[in-house]
């Protein structure tokens, strides 16, 4: 654009909202040039790491999880663009979904940063100061799951038969698969890990469940015209995402945890007190976001065999 065209566009932009373009142009005379550190807020970002011990490798643990949370925010940003776009085309659906998958690929392939980046002896010391905190308490990750699929696919498989579309959201929440990490279903008693999490996020997550009830990725996909649902590129993107989140990323997380928690000590519980082997391994909870896109054989082998290569049809 020429200078004249730019000035005309600025004039039209501010006039349209009832503002004087000259005032905004004059303001540019006094504005400081943008810098990288101001745009990224580097000082604030680098000031967010607070250790609870003097063990150096605790800093690795803190920063690694903060990076995870930033990636979770990027994932939710992309998911929202799928869920809240009316009459979405398969190309746009696939584009955003593949962005999400790439973020999860980064997460899945990053566990060596933590797995090989901390001394076992240091970790086993500073982890005691974290109790009862746990990565389980990432509300953003719970939001990602809820925004991915229908709630029935996140319900503990032992209790799915008693839950349907008419089930109150709070009842569904009480039977989500993650409750197994902190709740005795026979007595209803919750440990501190779970009660702290719910005190902070339960209301927010139930509202999120309501918001995404009809616009989660799976429901959104099934509402597409039939020819869009048969789009192979989109189907492969859906399968890749499902596999990456519910098998690949989980198993990398599982293997990283095993390196530390199974290192010379038997029956070490997670910081929240759960039996992390059964909670984390996909063969126990069999979380599948898009069940109708997988064959019976693939679902029966979920978490038991490497499904790499099954992602595409």
C-alpha atoms as a PDB file:
ATOM      1  CA  UNK A   1       0.000   0.000   0.000  1.00  0.00           C
ATOM      2  CA  UNK A   2       1.133   3.525  -0.712  1.00  0.00           C
ATOM      3  CA  UNK A   3       1.392   6.100   2.088  1.00  0.00           C
ATOM      4  CA  UNK A   4      -1.782   7.749   0.828  1.00  0.00           C
ATOM      5  CA  UNK A   5      -3.638   4.430   0.869  1.00  0.00           C
ATOM      6  CA  UNK A   6      -2.430   3.679   4.401  1.00  0.00           C
ATOM      7  CA  UNK A   7      -3.516   7.090   5.685  1.00  0.00           C
ATOM      8  CA  UNK A   8      -6.897   6.693   4.003  1.00  0.00           C
ATOM      9  CA  UNK A   9      -7.371   3.249   5.572  1.00  0.00           C
ATOM     10  CA  UNK A  10      -6.446   4.626   9.019  1.00  0.00           C
ATOM     11  CA  UNK A  11      -8.864   7.501   8.547  1.00  0.00           C
ATOM     12  CA  UNK A  12     -11.671   5.113   7.590  1.00  0.00           C
ATOM     13  CA  UNK A  13     -10.908   2.730  10.478  1.00  0.00           C
ATOM     14  CA  UNK A  14     -11.103   5.324  13.243  1.00  0.00           C
ATOM     15  CA  UNK A  15     -13.893   7.354  11.697  1.00  0.00           C
ATOM     16  CA  UNK A  16     -16.014   4.179  11.574  1.00  0.00           C
ATOM     17  CA  UNK A  17     -15.778   3.844  15.369  1.00  0.00           C
ATOM     18  CA  UNK A  18     -16.352   7.502  16.093  1.00  0.00           C
ATOM     19  CA  UNK A  19     -12.719   8.358  16.797  1.00  0.00           C
ATOM     20  CA  UNK A  20     -10.633  11.241  15.503  1.00  0.00           C
ATOM     21  CA  UNK A  21      -7.900   9.683  13.286  1.00  0.00           C
ATOM     22  CA  UNK A  22      -5.615  12.669  13.866  1.00  0.00           C
ATOM     23  CA  UNK A  23      -5.541  12.045  17.626  1.00  0.00           C
ATOM     24  CA  UNK A  24      -4.409   8.451  17.073  1.00  0.00           C
ATOM     25  CA  UNK A  25      -1.811   9.505  14.518  1.00  0.00           C
ATOM     26  CA  UNK A  26      -0.520  12.175  16.882  1.00  0.00           C
ATOM     27  CA  UNK A  27      -0.220   9.540  19.608  1.00  0.00           C
ATOM     28  CA  UNK A  28       2.328   7.719  17.444  1.00  0.00           C
ATOM     29  CA  UNK A  29       4.690  10.677  17.886  1.00  0.00           C
ATOM     30  CA  UNK A  30       5.040   9.871  21.585  1.00  0.00           C
ATOM     31  CA  UNK A  31       4.788   6.073  21.539  1.00  0.00           C
ATOM     32  CA  UNK A  32       7.958   4.090  22.237  1.00  0.00           C
ATOM     33  CA  UNK A  33       9.040   1.619  19.536  1.00  0.00           C
ATOM     34  CA  UNK A  34       8.045  -1.985  20.297  1.00  0.00           C
ATOM     35  CA  UNK A  35      10.798  -4.243  21.635  1.00  0.00           C
ATOM     36  CA  UNK A  36      10.960  -8.021  21.770  1.00  0.00           C
ATOM     37  CA  UNK A  37      11.132  -8.071  25.570  1.00  0.00           C
ATOM     38  CA  UNK A  38       8.063  -5.879  25.936  1.00  0.00           C
ATOM     39  CA  UNK A  39       6.034  -7.792  23.350  1.00  0.00           C
ATOM     40  CA  UNK A  40       6.844 -11.212  24.873  1.00  0.00           C
ATOM     41  CA  UNK A  41       6.878  -9.877  28.452  1.00  0.00           C
ATOM     42  CA  UNK A  42      10.192 -11.631  29.018  1.00  0.00           C
ATOM     43  CA  UNK A  43      10.902 -10.142  32.464  1.00  0.00           C
ATOM     44  CA  UNK A  44       7.504 -11.238  33.797  1.00  0.00           C
ATOM     45  CA  UNK A  45       7.840 -14.684  32.238  1.00  0.00           C
ATOM     46  CA  UNK A  46      11.304 -15.289  33.671  1.00  0.00           C
ATOM     47  CA  UNK A  47      10.171 -14.166  37.102  1.00  0.00           C
ATOM     48  CA  UNK A  48       7.602 -16.927  37.480  1.00  0.00           C
ATOM     49  CA  UNK A  49       9.968 -19.663  38.678  1.00  0.00           C
ATOM     50  CA  UNK A  50      10.023 -20.059  42.457  1.00  0.00           C
ATOM     51  CA  UNK A  51      11.827 -23.020  43.973  1.00  0.00           C
ATOM     52  CA  UNK A  52      10.772 -24.604  47.243  1.00  0.00           C
ATOM     53  CA  UNK A  53      14.186 -26.223  47.779  1.00  0.00           C
ATOM     54  CA  UNK A  54      17.828 -25.482  46.968  1.00  0.00           C
ATOM     55  CA  UNK A  55      18.080 -28.527  44.688  1.00  0.00           C
ATOM     56  CA  UNK A  56      19.096 -27.273  41.211  1.00  0.00           C
ATOM     57  CA  UNK A  57      17.050 -29.785  39.215  1.00  0.00           C
ATOM     58  CA  UNK A  58      13.826 -28.554  40.770  1.00  0.00           C
ATOM     59  CA  UNK A  59      14.144 -25.575  38.419  1.00  0.00           C
ATOM     60  CA  UNK A  60      14.044 -27.954  35.436  1.00  0.00           C
ATOM     61  CA  UNK A  61      10.868 -29.510  36.794  1.00  0.00           C
ATOM     62  CA  UNK A  62       9.178 -26.128  37.330  1.00  0.00           C
ATOM     63  CA  UNK A  63      10.058 -24.678  33.925  1.00  0.00           C
ATOM     64  CA  UNK A  64       9.152 -27.869  32.081  1.00  0.00           C
ATOM     65  CA  UNK A  65       5.641 -27.852  33.547  1.00  0.00           C
ATOM     66  CA  UNK A  66       5.221 -24.147  32.876  1.00  0.00           C
ATOM     67  CA  UNK A  67       6.094 -24.798  29.217  1.00  0.00           C
ATOM     68  CA  UNK A  68       3.444 -27.532  29.209  1.00  0.00           C
ATOM     69  CA  UNK A  69       0.829 -25.107  30.479  1.00  0.00           C
ATOM     70  CA  UNK A  70       1.727 -22.596  27.752  1.00  0.00           C
ATOM     71  CA  UNK A  71       1.302 -25.316  25.141  1.00  0.00           C
ATOM     72  CA  UNK A  72      -2.037 -26.303  26.692  1.00  0.00           C
ATOM     73  CA  UNK A  73      -3.150 -22.685  26.267  1.00  0.00           C
ATOM     74  CA  UNK A  74      -2.116 -22.786  22.599  1.00  0.00           C
ATOM     75  CA  UNK A  75      -4.084 -26.009  22.165  1.00  0.00           C
ATOM     76  CA  UNK A  76      -7.225 -24.555  23.723  1.00  0.00           C
ATOM     77  CA  UNK A  77      -6.865 -21.481  21.503  1.00  0.00           C
ATOM     78  CA  UNK A  78      -6.936 -23.671  18.377  1.00  0.00           C
ATOM     79  CA  UNK A  79      -9.754 -25.883  19.649  1.00  0.00           C
ATOM     80  CA  UNK A  80     -11.905 -22.843  20.285  1.00  0.00           C
ATOM     81  CA  UNK A  81     -11.543 -21.824  16.646  1.00  0.00           C
ATOM     82  CA  UNK A  82     -12.959 -25.180  15.572  1.00  0.00           C
ATOM     83  CA  UNK A  83     -15.739 -25.336  18.128  1.00  0.00           C
ATOM     84  CA  UNK A  84     -16.965 -21.768  17.691  1.00  0.00           C
ATOM     85  CA  UNK A  85     -16.847 -21.561  13.894  1.00  0.00           C
ATOM     86  CA  UNK A  86     -20.277 -22.114  12.400  1.00  0.00           C
ATOM     87  CA  UNK A  87     -20.569 -24.212   9.234  1.00  0.00           C
ATOM     88  CA  UNK A  88     -16.881 -25.032   9.474  1.00  0.00           C
ATOM     89  CA  UNK A  89     -15.280 -26.497   6.342  1.00  0.00           C
ATOM     90  CA  UNK A  90     -13.232 -29.714   6.620  1.00  0.00           C
ATOM     91  CA  UNK A  91     -10.077 -27.894   5.479  1.00  0.00           C
ATOM     92  CA  UNK A  92     -10.298 -25.410   8.362  1.00  0.00           C
ATOM     93  CA  UNK A  93     -11.225 -28.177  10.811  1.00  0.00           C
ATOM     94  CA  UNK A  94      -8.197 -30.196   9.693  1.00  0.00           C
ATOM     95  CA  UNK A  95      -5.870 -27.177   9.746  1.00  0.00           C
ATOM     96  CA  UNK A  96      -6.575 -26.298  13.371  1.00  0.00           C
ATOM     97  CA  UNK A  97      -6.649 -29.945  14.458  1.00  0.00           C
ATOM     98  CA  UNK A  98      -3.226 -30.571  12.948  1.00  0.00           C
ATOM     99  CA  UNK A  99      -1.911 -27.508  14.783  1.00  0.00           C
ATOM    100  CA  UNK A 100      -3.217 -29.052  17.995  1.00  0.00           C
ATOM    101  CA  UNK A 101      -1.614 -32.395  17.117  1.00  0.00           C
ATOM    102  CA  UNK A 102       1.726 -30.722  16.450  1.00  0.00           C
ATOM    103  CA  UNK A 103       1.583 -29.086  19.878  1.00  0.00           C
ATOM    104  CA  UNK A 104       0.911 -32.489  21.425  1.00  0.00           C
ATOM    105  CA  UNK A 105       3.728 -33.976  19.356  1.00  0.00           C
ATOM    106  CA  UNK A 106       6.005 -31.390  20.975  1.00  0.00           C
ATOM    107  CA  UNK A 107       4.665 -32.399  24.391  1.00  0.00           C
ATOM    108  CA  UNK A 108       5.034 -36.114  23.691  1.00  0.00           C
ATOM    109  CA  UNK A 109       8.573 -35.770  22.375  1.00  0.00           C
ATOM    110  CA  UNK A 110       9.709 -33.422  25.134  1.00  0.00           C
ATOM    111  CA  UNK A 111       9.710 -35.829  28.057  1.00  0.00           C
ATOM    112  CA  UNK A 112      13.418 -36.535  27.645  1.00  0.00           C
ATOM    113  CA  UNK A 113      13.943 -32.914  28.726  1.00  0.00           C
ATOM    114  CA  UNK A 114      12.609 -33.905  32.130  1.00  0.00           C
ATOM    115  CA  UNK A 115      13.346 -37.631  31.986  1.00  0.00           C
ATOM    116  CA  UNK A 116      17.034 -37.106  31.257  1.00  0.00           C
ATOM    117  CA  UNK A 117      17.255 -33.632  32.752  1.00  0.00           C
ATOM    118  CA  UNK A 118      16.960 -34.410  36.448  1.00  0.00           C
ATOM    119  CA  UNK A 119      19.021 -36.541  38.784  1.00  0.00           C
ATOM    120  CA  UNK A 120      16.871 -39.233  40.351  1.00  0.00           C
ATOM    121  CA  UNK A 121      18.274 -38.507  43.817  1.00  0.00           C
ATOM    122  CA  UNK A 122      17.384 -34.820  43.557  1.00  0.00           C
ATOM    123  CA  UNK A 123      13.913 -35.515  42.232  1.00  0.00           C
ATOM    124  CA  UNK A 124      13.104 -37.988  45.002  1.00  0.00           C
ATOM    125  CA  UNK A 125      13.995 -35.278  47.521  1.00  0.00           C
ATOM    126  CA  UNK A 126      12.243 -32.199  46.138  1.00  0.00           C
ATOM    127  CA  UNK A 127       9.120 -34.140  45.132  1.00  0.00           C
ATOM    128  CA  UNK A 128       8.284 -34.532  48.831  1.00  0.00           C
ATOM    129  CA  UNK A 129       7.898 -30.759  49.096  1.00  0.00           C
ATOM    130  CA  UNK A 130       5.230 -30.854  46.353  1.00  0.00           C
ATOM    131  CA  UNK A 131       2.807 -33.175  48.132  1.00  0.00           C
ATOM    132  CA  UNK A 132      -0.145 -33.229  47.574  1.00  0.00           C
ATOM    133  CA  UNK A 133       0.281 -31.221  44.341  1.00  0.00           C
ATOM    134  CA  UNK A 134       0.262 -33.144  41.067  1.00  0.00           C
ATOM    135  CA  UNK A 135       0.133 -32.604  37.318  1.00  0.00           C
ATOM    136  CA  UNK A 136      -3.292 -34.174  37.697  1.00  0.00           C
ATOM    137  CA  UNK A 137      -4.402 -30.727  38.855  1.00  0.00           C
ATOM    138  CA  UNK A 138      -3.867 -29.058  35.476  1.00  0.00           C
ATOM    139  CA  UNK A 139      -7.289 -27.554  34.776  1.00  0.00           C
ATOM    140  CA  UNK A 140      -6.235 -26.629  31.253  1.00  0.00           C
ATOM    141  CA  UNK A 141      -5.604 -30.281  30.433  1.00  0.00           C
ATOM    142  CA  UNK A 142      -9.049 -31.228  31.787  1.00  0.00           C
ATOM    143  CA  UNK A 143     -10.525 -28.500  29.577  1.00  0.00           C
ATOM    144  CA  UNK A 144      -8.722 -29.952  26.565  1.00  0.00           C
ATOM    145  CA  UNK A 145     -10.251 -33.352  27.236  1.00  0.00           C
ATOM    146  CA  UNK A 146     -13.746 -31.931  27.734  1.00  0.00           C
ATOM    147  CA  UNK A 147     -13.452 -29.860  24.556  1.00  0.00           C
ATOM    148  CA  UNK A 148     -12.297 -32.918  22.606  1.00  0.00           C
ATOM    149  CA  UNK A 149     -15.133 -35.381  23.026  1.00  0.00           C
ATOM    150  CA  UNK A 150     -18.542 -36.201  24.457  1.00  0.00           C
ATOM    151  CA  UNK A 151     -18.541 -36.547  28.228  1.00  0.00           C
ATOM    152  CA  UNK A 152     -19.496 -40.227  28.093  1.00  0.00           C
ATOM    153  CA  UNK A 153     -16.032 -40.934  26.646  1.00  0.00           C
ATOM    154  CA  UNK A 154     -14.402 -39.353  29.697  1.00  0.00           C
ATOM    155  CA  UNK A 155     -16.544 -41.160  32.250  1.00  0.00           C
ATOM    156  CA  UNK A 156     -14.856 -43.951  34.200  1.00  0.00           C
ATOM    157  CA  UNK A 157     -15.663 -46.994  32.060  1.00  0.00           C
ATOM    158  CA  UNK A 158     -17.005 -48.814  35.144  1.00  0.00           C
ATOM    159  CA  UNK A 159     -19.858 -46.313  35.488  1.00  0.00           C
ATOM    160  CA  UNK A 160     -20.767 -45.473  31.878  1.00  0.00           C
ATOM    161  CA  UNK A 161     -23.881 -47.634  31.728  1.00  0.00           C
ATOM    162  CA  UNK A 162     -25.630 -45.463  34.295  1.00  0.00           C
ATOM    163  CA  UNK A 163     -24.935 -42.164  32.528  1.00  0.00           C
ATOM    164  CA  UNK A 164     -26.603 -40.612  29.487  1.00  0.00           C
ATOM    165  CA  UNK A 165     -27.487 -37.231  27.978  1.00  0.00           C
ATOM    166  CA  UNK A 166     -30.010 -36.600  30.766  1.00  0.00           C
ATOM    167  CA  UNK A 167     -27.454 -37.057  33.534  1.00  0.00           C
ATOM    168  CA  UNK A 168     -26.831 -33.837  35.539  1.00  0.00           C
ATOM    169  CA  UNK A 169     -23.433 -32.309  34.805  1.00  0.00           C
ATOM    170  CA  UNK A 170     -22.357 -32.528  38.429  1.00  0.00           C
ATOM    171  CA  UNK A 171     -23.074 -36.265  38.503  1.00  0.00           C
ATOM    172  CA  UNK A 172     -21.069 -36.715  35.312  1.00  0.00           C
ATOM    173  CA  UNK A 173     -18.244 -34.701  36.868  1.00  0.00           C
ATOM    174  CA  UNK A 174     -18.230 -36.972  39.920  1.00  0.00           C
ATOM    175  CA  UNK A 175     -17.718 -39.970  37.634  1.00  0.00           C
ATOM    176  CA  UNK A 176     -15.053 -38.628  35.308  1.00  0.00           C
ATOM    177  CA  UNK A 177     -12.161 -41.048  34.848  1.00  0.00           C
ATOM    178  CA  UNK A 178      -9.736 -38.803  36.716  1.00  0.00           C
ATOM    179  CA  UNK A 179     -11.734 -39.279  39.933  1.00  0.00           C
ATOM    180  CA  UNK A 180      -9.990 -42.642  40.212  1.00  0.00           C
ATOM    181  CA  UNK A 181      -6.782 -40.797  41.111  1.00  0.00           C
ATOM    182  CA  UNK A 182      -8.257 -39.352  44.275  1.00  0.00           C
ATOM    183  CA  UNK A 183     -11.603 -40.871  45.181  1.00  0.00           C
ATOM    184  CA  UNK A 184     -12.716 -44.072  46.823  1.00  0.00           C
ATOM    185  CA  UNK A 185     -15.860 -44.860  44.821  1.00  0.00           C
ATOM    186  CA  UNK A 186     -17.095 -47.252  47.517  1.00  0.00           C
ATOM    187  CA  UNK A 187     -16.986 -44.682  50.312  1.00  0.00           C
ATOM    188  CA  UNK A 188     -17.080 -41.487  48.229  1.00  0.00           C
ATOM    189  CA  UNK A 189     -14.147 -40.129  50.229  1.00  0.00           C
ATOM    190  CA  UNK A 190     -11.738 -37.854  48.343  1.00  0.00           C
ATOM    191  CA  UNK A 191      -8.081 -37.334  49.098  1.00  0.00           C
ATOM    192  CA  UNK A 192      -6.453 -33.917  49.474  1.00  0.00           C
ATOM    193  CA  UNK A 193      -5.217 -33.936  45.867  1.00  0.00           C
ATOM    194  CA  UNK A 194      -8.760 -34.141  44.538  1.00  0.00           C
ATOM    195  CA  UNK A 195     -10.473 -31.946  47.107  1.00  0.00           C
ATOM    196  CA  UNK A 196      -7.955 -29.130  46.541  1.00  0.00           C
ATOM    197  CA  UNK A 197      -8.459 -29.402  42.791  1.00  0.00           C
ATOM    198  CA  UNK A 198     -12.237 -29.298  43.072  1.00  0.00           C
ATOM    199  CA  UNK A 199     -12.223 -26.402  45.513  1.00  0.00           C
ATOM    200  CA  UNK A 200     -10.320 -24.414  42.910  1.00  0.00           C
ATOM    201  CA  UNK A 201     -11.807 -25.605  39.613  1.00  0.00           C
ATOM    202  CA  UNK A 202     -14.995 -27.656  39.979  1.00  0.00           C
ATOM    203  CA  UNK A 203     -17.461 -24.837  39.212  1.00  0.00           C
ATOM    204  CA  UNK A 204     -15.320 -23.599  36.334  1.00  0.00           C
ATOM    205  CA  UNK A 205     -15.009 -27.073  34.815  1.00  0.00           C
ATOM    206  CA  UNK A 206     -18.730 -27.806  35.083  1.00  0.00           C
ATOM    207  CA  UNK A 207     -19.416 -24.560  33.223  1.00  0.00           C
ATOM    208  CA  UNK A 208     -16.857 -25.636  30.636  1.00  0.00           C
ATOM    209  CA  UNK A 209     -18.689 -28.973  30.276  1.00  0.00           C
ATOM    210  CA  UNK A 210     -21.901 -27.084  29.557  1.00  0.00           C
ATOM    211  CA  UNK A 211     -20.217 -24.764  27.067  1.00  0.00           C
ATOM    212  CA  UNK A 212     -18.675 -27.615  25.076  1.00  0.00           C
ATOM    213  CA  UNK A 213     -21.512 -30.104  25.359  1.00  0.00           C
ATOM    214  CA  UNK A 214     -22.623 -29.535  21.769  1.00  0.00           C
ATOM    215  CA  UNK A 215     -19.477 -28.041  20.248  1.00  0.00           C
ATOM    216  CA  UNK A 216     -16.728 -30.408  21.389  1.00  0.00           C
ATOM    217  CA  UNK A 217     -14.592 -31.733  18.538  1.00  0.00           C
ATOM    218  CA  UNK A 218     -16.359 -35.091  18.322  1.00  0.00           C
ATOM    219  CA  UNK A 219     -19.890 -33.652  18.324  1.00  0.00           C
ATOM    220  CA  UNK A 220     -18.755 -30.954  15.894  1.00  0.00           C
ATOM    221  CA  UNK A 221     -17.350 -33.590  13.545  1.00  0.00           C
ATOM    222  CA  UNK A 222     -20.534 -35.688  13.659  1.00  0.00           C
ATOM    223  CA  UNK A 223     -22.605 -32.609  12.807  1.00  0.00           C
ATOM    224  CA  UNK A 224     -20.686 -32.044   9.566  1.00  0.00           C
ATOM    225  CA  UNK A 225     -22.348 -32.983   6.260  1.00  0.00           C
ATOM    226  CA  UNK A 226     -21.784 -36.644   5.388  1.00  0.00           C
ATOM    227  CA  UNK A 227     -19.309 -35.927   2.597  1.00  0.00           C
ATOM    228  CA  UNK A 228     -17.224 -33.846   5.003  1.00  0.00           C
ATOM    229  CA  UNK A 229     -17.259 -36.700   7.540  1.00  0.00           C
ATOM    230  CA  UNK A 230     -15.872 -38.979   4.832  1.00  0.00           C
ATOM    231  CA  UNK A 231     -12.980 -36.627   4.075  1.00  0.00           C
ATOM    232  CA  UNK A 232      -9.925 -38.861   4.575  1.00  0.00           C
ATOM    233  CA  UNK A 233      -7.556 -36.029   5.410  1.00  0.00           C
ATOM    234  CA  UNK A 234      -9.885 -34.893   8.187  1.00  0.00           C
ATOM    235  CA  UNK A 235     -10.440 -38.449   9.459  1.00  0.00           C
ATOM    236  CA  UNK A 236      -6.671 -39.008   9.574  1.00  0.00           C
ATOM    237  CA  UNK A 237      -6.213 -35.741  11.441  1.00  0.00           C
ATOM    238  CA  UNK A 238      -8.828 -36.854  13.996  1.00  0.00           C
ATOM    239  CA  UNK A 239      -7.185 -40.267  14.443  1.00  0.00           C
ATOM    240  CA  UNK A 240      -3.723 -38.746  14.700  1.00  0.00           C
ATOM    241  CA  UNK A 241      -4.899 -36.373  17.411  1.00  0.00           C
ATOM    242  CA  UNK A 242      -6.677 -39.144  19.350  1.00  0.00           C
ATOM    243  CA  UNK A 243      -3.636 -41.414  19.180  1.00  0.00           C
ATOM    244  CA  UNK A 244      -1.167 -38.652  20.023  1.00  0.00           C
ATOM    245  CA  UNK A 245      -3.066 -37.486  23.123  1.00  0.00           C
ATOM    246  CA  UNK A 246      -4.390 -40.750  24.515  1.00  0.00           C
ATOM    247  CA  UNK A 247      -1.550 -43.141  23.733  1.00  0.00           C
ATOM    248  CA  UNK A 248       1.665 -41.473  22.587  1.00  0.00           C
ATOM    249  CA  UNK A 249       1.728 -38.533  24.994  1.00  0.00           C
ATOM    250  CA  UNK A 250       0.400 -40.607  27.896  1.00  0.00           C
ATOM    251  CA  UNK A 251       2.960 -43.371  27.386  1.00  0.00           C
ATOM    252  CA  UNK A 252       5.874 -40.932  27.168  1.00  0.00           C
ATOM    253  CA  UNK A 253       4.608 -39.418  30.420  1.00  0.00           C
ATOM    254  CA  UNK A 254       4.242 -42.895  31.922  1.00  0.00           C
ATOM    255  CA  UNK A 255       7.795 -43.902  30.916  1.00  0.00           C
ATOM    256  CA  UNK A 256       9.250 -40.671  32.325  1.00  0.00           C
ATOM    257  CA  UNK A 257       7.449 -41.229  35.631  1.00  0.00           C
ATOM    258  CA  UNK A 258       8.625 -44.845  35.746  1.00  0.00           C
ATOM    259  CA  UNK A 259      12.250 -43.766  35.433  1.00  0.00           C
ATOM    260  CA  UNK A 260      11.985 -41.930  38.745  1.00  0.00           C
ATOM    261  CA  UNK A 261       9.227 -43.624  40.711  1.00  0.00           C
ATOM    262  CA  UNK A 262      10.393 -47.155  39.884  1.00  0.00           C
ATOM    263  CA  UNK A 263      14.072 -46.386  40.439  1.00  0.00           C
ATOM    264  CA  UNK A 264      15.073 -48.646  43.265  1.00  0.00           C
ATOM    265  CA  UNK A 265      11.922 -48.122  45.328  1.00  0.00           C
ATOM    266  CA  UNK A 266       8.846 -50.289  45.176  1.00  0.00           C
ATOM    267  CA  UNK A 267       5.250 -49.092  45.200  1.00  0.00           C
ATOM    268  CA  UNK A 268       6.114 -45.391  45.257  1.00  0.00           C
ATOM    269  CA  UNK A 269       2.903 -43.397  44.927  1.00  0.00           C
ATOM    270  CA  UNK A 270       2.507 -40.241  42.900  1.00  0.00           C
ATOM    271  CA  UNK A 271       2.788 -36.961  44.820  1.00  0.00           C
ATOM    272  CA  UNK A 272      -1.007 -36.890  45.025  1.00  0.00           C
ATOM    273  CA  UNK A 273      -1.031 -40.383  46.522  1.00  0.00           C
ATOM    274  CA  UNK A 274      -2.553 -42.263  43.572  1.00  0.00           C
ATOM    275  CA  UNK A 275      -1.586 -45.618  42.079  1.00  0.00           C
ATOM    276  CA  UNK A 276      -0.036 -43.891  39.085  1.00  0.00           C
ATOM    277  CA  UNK A 277       0.582 -47.119  37.114  1.00  0.00           C
ATOM    278  CA  UNK A 278      -3.129 -47.831  36.778  1.00  0.00           C
ATOM    279  CA  UNK A 279      -4.166 -44.217  36.578  1.00  0.00           C
ATOM    280  CA  UNK A 280      -1.784 -43.251  33.772  1.00  0.00           C
ATOM    281  CA  UNK A 281      -1.580 -46.317  31.541  1.00  0.00           C
ATOM    282  CA  UNK A 282      -4.107 -46.097  28.656  1.00  0.00           C
ATOM    283  CA  UNK A 283      -4.987 -49.782  28.832  1.00  0.00           C
ATOM    284  CA  UNK A 284      -6.775 -49.196  32.156  1.00  0.00           C
ATOM    285  CA  UNK A 285      -8.906 -46.139  31.399  1.00  0.00           C
ATOM    286  CA  UNK A 286      -9.108 -46.703  27.613  1.00  0.00           C
ATOM    287  CA  UNK A 287      -9.709 -43.053  26.868  1.00  0.00           C
ATOM    288  CA  UNK A 288     -10.732 -42.691  23.233  1.00  0.00           C
ATOM    289  CA  UNK A 289     -12.025 -39.362  21.998  1.00  0.00           C
ATOM    290  CA  UNK A 290     -13.429 -40.523  18.658  1.00  0.00           C
ATOM    291  CA  UNK A 291     -14.466 -44.186  19.106  1.00  0.00           C
ATOM    292  CA  UNK A 292     -16.345 -44.557  15.820  1.00  0.00           C
ATOM    293  CA  UNK A 293     -13.199 -43.703  13.862  1.00  0.00           C
ATOM    294  CA  UNK A 294     -11.405 -46.800  15.198  1.00  0.00           C
ATOM    295  CA  UNK A 295     -12.007 -50.465  14.411  1.00  0.00           C
ATOM    296  CA  UNK A 296     -13.014 -52.972  17.090  1.00  0.00           C
ATOM    297  CA  UNK A 297      -9.546 -54.508  16.920  1.00  0.00           C
ATOM    298  CA  UNK A 298      -7.843 -51.147  17.333  1.00  0.00           C
ATOM    299  CA  UNK A 299      -9.950 -50.293  20.368  1.00  0.00           C
ATOM    300  CA  UNK A 300      -9.389 -53.721  21.938  1.00  0.00           C
ATOM    301  CA  UNK A 301      -5.642 -53.176  21.599  1.00  0.00           C
ATOM    302  CA  UNK A 302      -5.788 -49.601  22.902  1.00  0.00           C
ATOM    303  CA  UNK A 303      -2.702 -49.042  25.016  1.00  0.00           C
ATOM    304  CA  UNK A 304      -1.588 -52.663  24.680  1.00  0.00           C
ATOM    305  CA  UNK A 305       0.214 -52.415  21.358  1.00  0.00           C
ATOM    306  CA  UNK A 306       1.918 -49.637  19.451  1.00  0.00           C
ATOM    307  CA  UNK A 307      -0.766 -48.169  17.195  1.00  0.00           C
ATOM    308  CA  UNK A 308       1.735 -46.103  15.191  1.00  0.00           C
ATOM    309  CA  UNK A 309       0.710 -46.621  11.600  1.00  0.00           C
ATOM    310  CA  UNK A 310      -2.940 -47.104  12.587  1.00  0.00           C
ATOM    311  CA  UNK A 311      -3.387 -43.362  12.554  1.00  0.00           C
ATOM    312  CA  UNK A 312      -4.165 -43.217   8.850  1.00  0.00           C
ATOM    313  CA  UNK A 313      -6.907 -44.927   6.868  1.00  0.00           C
END
